[in-house]
Amino acid sequence: MKTPGEQDFLDQFGEAPEVLEEPWIQGAEFETENGTLRLSFDQHENSIRFEWRQGDDVLWHFFREGATALSIRAENRETHLIAEFESEDLSGEVDVRVHPRIAIKDSLLRS
């Protein structure tokens, strides 16, 4: 799975992902106008997890294996995390706008 480098995260978000339970699992948290977004990605298992919270409420929880890439896209004063997935039967993309407000687009199509 391709992932952004530490410097890419620093450039766009002002902080690098932290190492979580294992050295190949990293995570980051982003405070926005409409909640907190937590990202974690496991390069060994090719999985990505997002969790969007407002206070104690989980508004959206997303976990998927089969990730092929995680990228950062910044344009028009918006910053997005793009997760791409592919399996034998399906391919798709989750586009999570992080700044200025969290918004999600999820597409999954048969291959």
C-alpha atoms as a PDB file:
ATOM      1  CA  MET A   1       0.000   0.000   0.000  1.00  0.00           C
ATOM      2  CA  LYS A   2       1.346   3.402  -0.960  1.00  0.00           C
ATOM      3  CA  THR A   3       1.085   6.035   1.768  1.00  0.00           C
ATOM      4  CA  PRO A   4       2.137   9.676   2.112  1.00  0.00           C
ATOM      5  CA  GLY A   5       5.461  10.318   3.761  1.00  0.00           C
ATOM      6  CA  GLU A   6       5.901  11.964   7.124  1.00  0.00           C
ATOM      7  CA  GLN A   7       6.793  15.264   5.443  1.00  0.00           C
ATOM      8  CA  ASP A   8       3.558  15.184   3.391  1.00  0.00           C
ATOM      9  CA  PHE A   9       1.529  14.983   6.621  1.00  0.00           C
ATOM     10  CA  LEU A  10       3.627  17.730   8.207  1.00  0.00           C
ATOM     11  CA  ASP A  11       3.171  19.995   5.184  1.00  0.00           C
ATOM     12  CA  GLN A  12      -0.620  19.564   5.029  1.00  0.00           C
ATOM     13  CA  PHE A  13      -1.649  19.006   8.650  1.00  0.00           C
ATOM     14  CA  GLY A  14       1.231  20.316  10.749  1.00  0.00           C
ATOM     15  CA  GLU A  15       1.911  16.952  12.357  1.00  0.00           C
ATOM     16  CA  ALA A  16       3.166  13.529  11.368  1.00  0.00           C
ATOM     17  CA  PRO A  17       1.307  10.282  12.083  1.00  0.00           C
ATOM     18  CA  GLU A  18       2.269   8.513  15.286  1.00  0.00           C
ATOM     19  CA  VAL A  19       3.248   4.867  15.537  1.00  0.00           C
ATOM     20  CA  LEU A  20       0.460   2.856  17.194  1.00  0.00           C
ATOM     21  CA  GLU A  21       0.436  -0.775  18.462  1.00  0.00           C
ATOM     22  CA  GLU A  22       3.010  -2.002  15.941  1.00  0.00           C
ATOM     23  CA  PRO A  23       5.664  -0.122  13.904  1.00  0.00           C
ATOM     24  CA  TRP A  24       3.712  -0.670  10.664  1.00  0.00           C
ATOM     25  CA  ILE A  25       0.485   0.812  12.088  1.00  0.00           C
ATOM     26  CA  GLN A  26       0.263   4.603  12.148  1.00  0.00           C
ATOM     27  CA  GLY A  27      -2.417   7.048  13.126  1.00  0.00           C
ATOM     28  CA  ALA A  28      -3.267  10.728  13.217  1.00  0.00           C
ATOM     29  CA  GLU A  29      -6.063  12.877  14.615  1.00  0.00           C
ATOM     30  CA  PHE A  30      -7.429  16.043  13.055  1.00  0.00           C
ATOM     31  CA  GLU A  31      -9.573  18.681  14.791  1.00  0.00           C
ATOM     32  CA  THR A  32     -12.003  20.420  12.424  1.00  0.00           C
ATOM     33  CA  GLU A  33     -14.967  22.799  12.540  1.00  0.00           C
ATOM     34  CA  ASN A  34     -17.440  19.908  12.750  1.00  0.00           C
ATOM     35  CA  GLY A  35     -15.655  17.271  14.789  1.00  0.00           C
ATOM     36  CA  THR A  36     -12.552  15.168  15.164  1.00  0.00           C
ATOM     37  CA  LEU A  37     -11.321  12.752  12.526  1.00  0.00           C
ATOM     38  CA  ARG A  38      -9.088   9.863  13.545  1.00  0.00           C
ATOM     39  CA  LEU A  39      -7.152   8.034  10.830  1.00  0.00           C
ATOM     40  CA  SER A  40      -5.182   4.831  11.249  1.00  0.00           C
ATOM     41  CA  PHE A  41      -3.564   2.713   8.593  1.00  0.00           C
ATOM     42  CA  ASP A  42      -1.848  -0.652   8.725  1.00  0.00           C
ATOM     43  CA  GLN A  43       0.733  -1.105   5.990  1.00  0.00           C
ATOM     44  CA  HIS A  44       1.198  -4.805   6.823  1.00  0.00           C
ATOM     45  CA  GLU A  45      -2.514  -5.682   6.535  1.00  0.00           C
ATOM     46  CA  ASN A  46      -3.306  -3.023   3.891  1.00  0.00           C
ATOM     47  CA  SER A  47      -6.169  -1.636   5.951  1.00  0.00           C
ATOM     48  CA  ILE A  48      -7.459   1.850   6.676  1.00  0.00           C
ATOM     49  CA  ARG A  49      -9.720   3.042   9.472  1.00  0.00           C
ATOM     50  CA  PHE A  50     -11.456   6.401   9.863  1.00  0.00           C
ATOM     51  CA  GLU A  51     -13.533   7.541  12.818  1.00  0.00           C
ATOM     52  CA  TRP A  52     -15.415  10.840  12.870  1.00  0.00           C
ATOM     53  CA  ARG A  53     -16.539  12.036  16.300  1.00  0.00           C
ATOM     54  CA  GLN A  54     -18.360  14.983  17.759  1.00  0.00           C
ATOM     55  CA  GLY A  55     -17.664  14.869  21.476  1.00  0.00           C
ATOM     56  CA  ASP A  56     -18.483  11.357  22.687  1.00  0.00           C
ATOM     57  CA  ASP A  57     -20.657  10.554  19.654  1.00  0.00           C
ATOM     58  CA  VAL A  58     -19.252   8.501  16.790  1.00  0.00           C
ATOM     59  CA  LEU A  59     -20.832   9.893  13.615  1.00  0.00           C
ATOM     60  CA  TRP A  60     -19.059   7.598  11.178  1.00  0.00           C
ATOM     61  CA  HIS A  61     -16.797   4.607  11.578  1.00  0.00           C
ATOM     62  CA  PHE A  62     -15.098   3.121   8.530  1.00  0.00           C
ATOM     63  CA  PHE A  63     -12.772   0.133   8.308  1.00  0.00           C
ATOM     64  CA  ARG A  64     -11.726  -1.614   5.131  1.00  0.00           C
ATOM     65  CA  GLU A  65      -8.994  -4.013   4.061  1.00  0.00           C
ATOM     66  CA  GLY A  66      -7.586  -4.301   0.558  1.00  0.00           C
ATOM     67  CA  ALA A  67      -6.228  -0.761   0.481  1.00  0.00           C
ATOM     68  CA  THR A  68      -3.834  -0.031  -2.363  1.00  0.00           C
ATOM     69  CA  ALA A  69      -3.090   3.627  -1.605  1.00  0.00           C
ATOM     70  CA  LEU A  70      -3.643   6.462   0.830  1.00  0.00           C
ATOM     71  CA  SER A  71      -2.928   9.964  -0.452  1.00  0.00           C
ATOM     72  CA  ILE A  72      -3.375  13.597   0.535  1.00  0.00           C
ATOM     73  CA  ARG A  73      -4.919  16.080  -1.887  1.00  0.00           C
ATOM     74  CA  ALA A  74      -4.991  19.807  -1.213  1.00  0.00           C
ATOM     75  CA  GLU A  75      -6.818  22.227  -3.497  1.00  0.00           C
ATOM     76  CA  ASN A  76      -9.216  25.167  -3.274  1.00  0.00           C
ATOM     77  CA  ARG A  77      -8.492  25.639   0.466  1.00  0.00           C
ATOM     78  CA  GLU A  78      -9.575  22.055   1.157  1.00  0.00           C
ATOM     79  CA  THR A  79      -7.511  19.087   2.293  1.00  0.00           C
ATOM     80  CA  HIS A  80      -8.629  15.541   1.528  1.00  0.00           C
ATOM     81  CA  LEU A  81      -7.443  12.071   2.479  1.00  0.00           C
ATOM     82  CA  ILE A  82      -8.055   9.673  -0.417  1.00  0.00           C
ATOM     83  CA  ALA A  83      -8.090   5.929   0.267  1.00  0.00           C
ATOM     84  CA  GLU A  84      -8.133   3.564  -2.712  1.00  0.00           C
ATOM     85  CA  PHE A  85      -9.170  -0.084  -2.498  1.00  0.00           C
ATOM     86  CA  GLU A  86      -9.120  -3.066  -4.781  1.00  0.00           C
ATOM     87  CA  SER A  87     -10.066  -6.710  -4.434  1.00  0.00           C
ATOM     88  CA  GLU A  88     -10.796  -9.488  -6.863  1.00  0.00           C
ATOM     89  CA  ASP A  89     -14.390  -8.334  -7.348  1.00  0.00           C
ATOM     90  CA  LEU A  90     -14.523  -4.721  -6.173  1.00  0.00           C
ATOM     91  CA  SER A  91     -12.629  -1.467  -6.417  1.00  0.00           C
ATOM     92  CA  GLY A  92     -13.360   1.877  -4.896  1.00  0.00           C
ATOM     93  CA  GLU A  93     -12.312   5.095  -3.296  1.00  0.00           C
ATOM     94  CA  VAL A  94     -13.145   6.901  -0.079  1.00  0.00           C
ATOM     95  CA  ASP A  95     -12.605  10.648  -0.275  1.00  0.00           C
ATOM     96  CA  VAL A  96     -12.617  12.232   3.188  1.00  0.00           C
ATOM     97  CA  ARG A  97     -12.439  15.998   3.228  1.00  0.00           C
ATOM     98  CA  VAL A  98     -10.628  16.930   6.436  1.00  0.00           C
ATOM     99  CA  HIS A  99     -10.417  20.729   6.251  1.00  0.00           C
ATOM    100  CA  PRO A 100     -12.241  22.992   6.658  1.00  0.00           C
ATOM    101  CA  ARG A 101     -15.107  20.604   7.560  1.00  0.00           C
ATOM    102  CA  ILE A 102     -15.321  16.832   7.434  1.00  0.00           C
ATOM    103  CA  ALA A 103     -17.271  15.437   4.486  1.00  0.00           C
ATOM    104  CA  ILE A 104     -17.229  11.935   3.008  1.00  0.00           C
ATOM    105  CA  LYS A 105     -17.669  10.415  -0.453  1.00  0.00           C
ATOM    106  CA  ASP A 106     -17.495   6.638  -0.694  1.00  0.00           C
ATOM    107  CA  SER A 107     -17.677   4.726  -3.967  1.00  0.00           C
ATOM    108  CA  LEU A 108     -17.365   0.993  -4.405  1.00  0.00           C
ATOM    109  CA  LEU A 109     -17.826  -0.654  -7.799  1.00  0.00           C
ATOM    110  CA  ARG A 110     -17.643  -4.155  -9.187  1.00  0.00           C
ATOM    111  CA  SER A 111     -14.459  -4.770 -11.136  1.00  0.00           C
END
